[in-house]
Amino acid sequence: MGLVSCATEIGGSLRADGSADLDISAEVLPRMAALVTGLATAGGVAPGTPILDAAVISAAMSAVPGVASAKLRNASALSVTGDIGISQMGSLLGAGGAGLVTFRQNPAGDGLFAVKIDRNSGKGLLAVLPEDIVGYLGALMAPIATGEVMTKEEYLSLVEMVYGAPISEEIGRAQIKLDIEFPRQVRRVVGGTSEGNRAKLDIPLLDLLVLQSPLTYEVAF
């Protein structure tokens, strides 16, 4: 759901056995909400239908390999909040997301959590998203959905030309924020910061939508 222009925050804890409990909060940003609502209405969706449908997202997430449970609810038509239980971070997304998530815990106790998203593994990410969210990404002409190769600047210019500068600027500012507690003190972070056992990763939405270059985030603990 963070792939739509949302203010998305994910927090929680990752255990030594690879299981995790995550709290998620996502809200569609104002200008994107107006655009997506208009697109949905034009497509025959009844007024008042949630843009982010918690029931649909929960069902889709529950079917993802490595996910034990997904219990989301609509805080409003524009936002969802709730809990996701991960049974094994190392198998998250299964074969369809091969290379996207890595989790290792060595006998000595140190471990590694890594996420790498490129144009190929991004297809595995799309495969587990609800159909309506993938449709919104297509309407936004996002390269992760269309397969087109372009720079971030070219993409923002395209969005501005079709939907206007406010939408383009909103996409350019949006972030997906992760704040995760690890089973040991964090020793090294690529793509974020750490304090004690916690690591914070900020993923620019624009980088994820365009995948101009591979995105790599690592936490060694």
Protein backbone atom coordinates (compact mmCIF):
# COMPACT_ATOMS: atom_id res chain seq x y z
CA MET A 1 0.00 0.00 0.00
CA GLY A 2 3.01 2.24 0.40
CA LEU A 3 3.30 2.13 -3.39
CA VAL A 4 0.39 4.52 -3.72
CA SER A 5 1.26 8.08 -2.65
CA CYS A 6 0.86 7.46 1.08
CA ALA A 7 2.30 8.59 4.33
CA THR A 8 3.33 5.08 5.39
CA GLU A 9 4.97 4.04 8.65
CA ILE A 10 5.95 0.50 9.64
CA GLY A 11 7.25 -0.31 13.10
CA GLY A 12 7.77 -3.43 15.17
CA SER A 13 10.28 -6.03 16.24
CA LEU A 14 12.24 -8.77 14.47
CA ARG A 15 13.18 -11.86 16.50
CA ALA A 16 16.30 -14.00 16.22
CA ASP A 17 14.31 -16.86 14.64
CA GLY A 18 13.21 -14.62 11.76
CA SER A 19 9.66 -14.03 12.93
CA ALA A 20 8.38 -10.49 13.40
CA ASP A 21 5.45 -8.44 14.60
CA LEU A 22 4.83 -5.29 12.61
CA ASP A 23 2.50 -2.34 13.09
CA ILE A 24 1.50 -0.51 9.94
CA SER A 25 -0.15 2.83 9.33
CA ALA A 26 -0.81 4.20 5.85
CA GLU A 27 -2.78 7.23 4.72
CA VAL A 28 -3.27 8.39 1.14
CA LEU A 29 -1.93 11.91 0.78
CA PRO A 30 -4.52 14.64 0.04
CA ARG A 31 -3.92 15.42 -3.63
CA MET A 32 -3.38 11.78 -4.50
CA ALA A 33 -6.59 10.93 -2.62
CA ALA A 34 -8.56 13.35 -4.80
CA LEU A 35 -7.03 11.92 -7.96
CA VAL A 36 -7.54 8.26 -7.04
CA THR A 37 -11.09 8.90 -5.83
CA GLY A 38 -11.88 10.50 -9.18
CA LEU A 39 -10.37 7.58 -11.08
CA ALA A 40 -12.29 5.08 -8.97
CA THR A 41 -15.59 6.92 -9.43
CA ALA A 42 -15.03 7.12 -13.19
CA GLY A 43 -14.43 3.37 -13.14
CA GLY A 44 -17.80 2.73 -11.50
CA VAL A 45 -16.71 2.38 -7.86
CA ALA A 46 -19.45 3.55 -5.49
CA PRO A 47 -18.80 6.87 -3.69
CA GLY A 48 -17.47 6.38 -0.18
CA THR A 49 -15.73 3.09 -0.99
CA PRO A 50 -12.33 3.06 0.76
CA ILE A 51 -9.42 3.86 -1.51
CA LEU A 52 -7.37 1.56 0.68
CA ASP A 53 -9.70 -1.34 1.50
CA ALA A 54 -8.38 -2.92 4.71
CA ALA A 55 -10.25 -6.20 4.17
CA VAL A 56 -8.89 -6.62 0.65
CA ILE A 57 -5.35 -5.70 1.70
CA SER A 58 -5.51 -8.06 4.70
CA ALA A 59 -6.61 -10.93 2.46
CA ALA A 60 -3.85 -10.22 -0.04
CA MET A 61 -1.18 -9.95 2.67
CA SER A 62 -2.37 -13.14 4.40
CA ALA A 63 -1.70 -15.07 1.18
CA VAL A 64 1.91 -13.86 0.93
CA PRO A 65 4.53 -16.54 1.71
CA GLY A 66 6.16 -15.77 5.06
CA VAL A 67 3.15 -13.87 6.43
CA ALA A 68 1.40 -15.56 9.36
CA SER A 69 -1.40 -13.03 9.82
CA ALA A 70 -2.61 -9.66 8.61
CA LYS A 71 -5.21 -7.77 10.61
CA LEU A 72 -5.83 -4.33 9.15
CA ARG A 73 -8.77 -2.00 9.58
CA ASN A 74 -9.90 1.20 7.94
CA ALA A 75 -9.33 4.20 10.18
CA SER A 76 -11.01 6.16 7.36
CA ALA A 77 -11.70 5.74 3.65
CA LEU A 78 -8.20 7.09 3.06
CA SER A 79 -6.21 5.19 5.67
CA VAL A 80 -5.51 1.77 7.13
CA THR A 81 -3.85 0.66 10.34
CA GLY A 82 -3.21 -2.67 11.99
CA ASP A 83 -0.83 -5.56 12.61
CA ILE A 84 1.06 -7.99 10.40
CA GLY A 85 2.71 -11.12 11.78
CA ILE A 86 5.69 -12.52 9.89
CA SER A 87 6.42 -16.22 10.38
CA GLN A 88 9.83 -16.13 8.67
CA MET A 89 11.40 -12.99 7.28
CA GLY A 90 13.80 -15.04 5.16
CA SER A 91 10.92 -16.60 3.19
CA LEU A 92 8.88 -13.41 2.85
CA LEU A 93 7.35 -13.16 -0.65
CA GLY A 94 8.63 -16.64 -1.51
CA ALA A 95 9.89 -17.45 -4.97
CA GLY A 96 7.95 -14.57 -6.52
CA GLY A 97 10.07 -12.09 -4.57
CA ALA A 98 13.38 -13.94 -4.89
CA GLY A 99 16.25 -11.66 -4.02
CA LEU A 100 13.99 -9.05 -2.44
CA VAL A 101 14.31 -9.93 1.27
CA THR A 102 17.28 -11.62 2.96
CA PHE A 103 17.49 -12.67 6.59
CA ARG A 104 20.40 -14.54 8.16
CA GLN A 105 21.09 -15.40 11.79
CA ASN A 106 24.50 -16.97 12.35
CA PRO A 107 25.29 -19.49 15.13
CA ALA A 108 27.53 -16.87 16.75
CA GLY A 109 24.46 -14.69 17.16
CA ASP A 110 25.11 -11.94 14.64
CA GLY A 111 22.68 -11.50 11.79
CA LEU A 112 21.75 -9.60 8.67
CA PHE A 113 18.46 -8.22 7.36
CA ALA A 114 18.52 -6.84 3.83
CA VAL A 115 16.06 -5.62 1.22
CA LYS A 116 17.07 -5.21 -2.41
CA ILE A 117 14.55 -4.03 -4.96
CA ASP A 118 15.36 -3.74 -8.64
CA ARG A 119 13.28 -3.87 -11.80
CA ASN A 120 13.15 -7.67 -11.72
CA SER A 121 12.37 -8.20 -8.02
CA GLY A 122 9.89 -5.32 -8.17
CA LYS A 123 7.67 -7.59 -10.28
CA GLY A 124 7.48 -10.00 -7.34
CA LEU A 125 6.40 -7.14 -5.10
CA LEU A 126 3.60 -6.16 -7.50
CA ALA A 127 2.43 -9.77 -7.69
CA VAL A 128 1.29 -9.74 -4.04
CA LEU A 129 -0.46 -6.37 -4.09
CA PRO A 130 -4.26 -6.07 -4.41
CA GLU A 131 -5.46 -5.57 -7.97
CA ASP A 132 -6.83 -2.09 -7.33
CA ILE A 133 -3.49 -0.80 -6.01
CA VAL A 134 -1.70 -2.21 -9.05
CA GLY A 135 -4.33 -0.45 -11.16
CA TYR A 136 -3.64 2.87 -9.43
CA LEU A 137 0.08 2.43 -10.11
CA GLY A 138 -0.70 1.84 -13.77
CA ALA A 139 -2.84 4.98 -13.86
CA LEU A 140 0.08 6.87 -12.33
CA MET A 141 2.30 5.52 -15.14
CA ALA A 142 4.76 4.27 -12.51
CA PRO A 143 7.66 2.43 -14.18
CA ILE A 144 7.49 -0.34 -11.54
CA ALA A 145 4.07 -1.18 -13.02
CA THR A 146 4.55 -0.29 -16.69
CA GLY A 147 8.06 -1.67 -17.12
CA GLU A 148 9.15 1.52 -18.86
CA VAL A 149 12.71 2.67 -18.19
CA MET A 150 13.07 6.32 -17.23
CA THR A 151 14.81 8.58 -14.77
CA LYS A 152 13.13 10.02 -11.69
CA GLU A 153 13.18 13.46 -13.28
CA GLU A 154 11.53 12.14 -16.45
CA TYR A 155 8.84 10.39 -14.44
CA LEU A 156 7.99 13.46 -12.35
CA SER A 157 7.82 15.54 -15.53
CA LEU A 158 5.42 13.00 -17.06
CA VAL A 159 3.18 13.03 -13.98
CA GLU A 160 3.20 16.83 -13.95
CA MET A 161 2.24 16.96 -17.63
CA VAL A 162 -0.69 14.54 -17.16
CA TYR A 163 -1.92 15.30 -13.63
CA GLY A 164 -0.33 18.62 -12.67
CA ALA A 165 2.52 19.87 -10.52
CA PRO A 166 0.84 19.32 -7.10
CA ILE A 167 0.57 15.54 -7.70
CA SER A 168 4.13 15.38 -9.00
CA GLU A 169 5.41 17.29 -5.96
CA GLU A 170 3.46 15.08 -3.56
CA ILE A 171 4.97 11.93 -5.05
CA GLY A 172 8.42 13.49 -4.86
CA ARG A 173 8.03 14.17 -1.12
CA ALA A 174 6.40 10.91 0.01
CA GLN A 175 8.36 8.48 2.19
CA ILE A 176 7.89 4.95 3.51
CA LYS A 177 9.34 4.91 7.04
CA LEU A 178 10.45 1.78 8.88
CA ASP A 179 11.41 1.68 12.56
CA ILE A 180 12.38 -1.87 13.54
CA GLU A 181 13.79 -3.34 16.76
CA PHE A 182 16.36 -6.12 16.23
CA PRO A 183 17.34 -8.93 18.62
CA ARG A 184 20.84 -7.52 19.13
CA GLN A 185 22.51 -4.13 18.96
CA VAL A 186 22.65 -2.82 15.41
CA ARG A 187 26.24 -2.72 14.14
CA ARG A 188 25.78 -1.27 10.67
CA VAL A 189 23.00 0.25 8.57
CA VAL A 190 22.92 0.90 4.83
CA GLY A 191 20.20 3.37 3.88
CA GLY A 192 19.22 4.50 7.36
CA THR A 193 20.27 5.19 10.93
CA SER A 194 20.40 3.22 14.17
CA GLU A 195 20.33 3.63 17.92
CA GLY A 196 20.89 0.63 20.17
CA ASN A 197 18.78 -2.28 18.89
CA ARG A 198 16.66 -0.10 16.60
CA ALA A 199 17.15 0.80 12.96
CA LYS A 200 15.25 3.42 11.00
CA LEU A 201 14.97 3.25 7.22
CA ASP A 202 13.40 5.92 5.03
CA ILE A 203 12.46 4.78 1.52
CA PRO A 204 11.56 7.60 -0.90
CA LEU A 205 8.38 6.63 -2.76
CA LEU A 206 9.79 8.12 -5.97
CA ASP A 207 12.82 5.81 -5.84
CA LEU A 208 10.51 2.81 -5.42
CA LEU A 209 8.12 3.78 -8.22
CA VAL A 210 10.87 4.43 -10.75
CA LEU A 211 13.66 2.01 -9.73
CA GLN A 212 16.13 4.06 -11.73
CA SER A 213 18.79 2.13 -9.84
CA PRO A 214 18.48 -0.82 -7.41
CA LEU A 215 17.44 0.08 -3.87
CA THR A 216 19.50 -1.61 -1.17
CA TYR A 217 18.84 -1.44 2.57
CA GLU A 218 20.81 -3.50 5.07
CA VAL A 219 20.90 -3.87 8.84
CA ALA A 220 23.69 -5.92 10.43
CA PHE A 221 23.18 -6.79 14.07
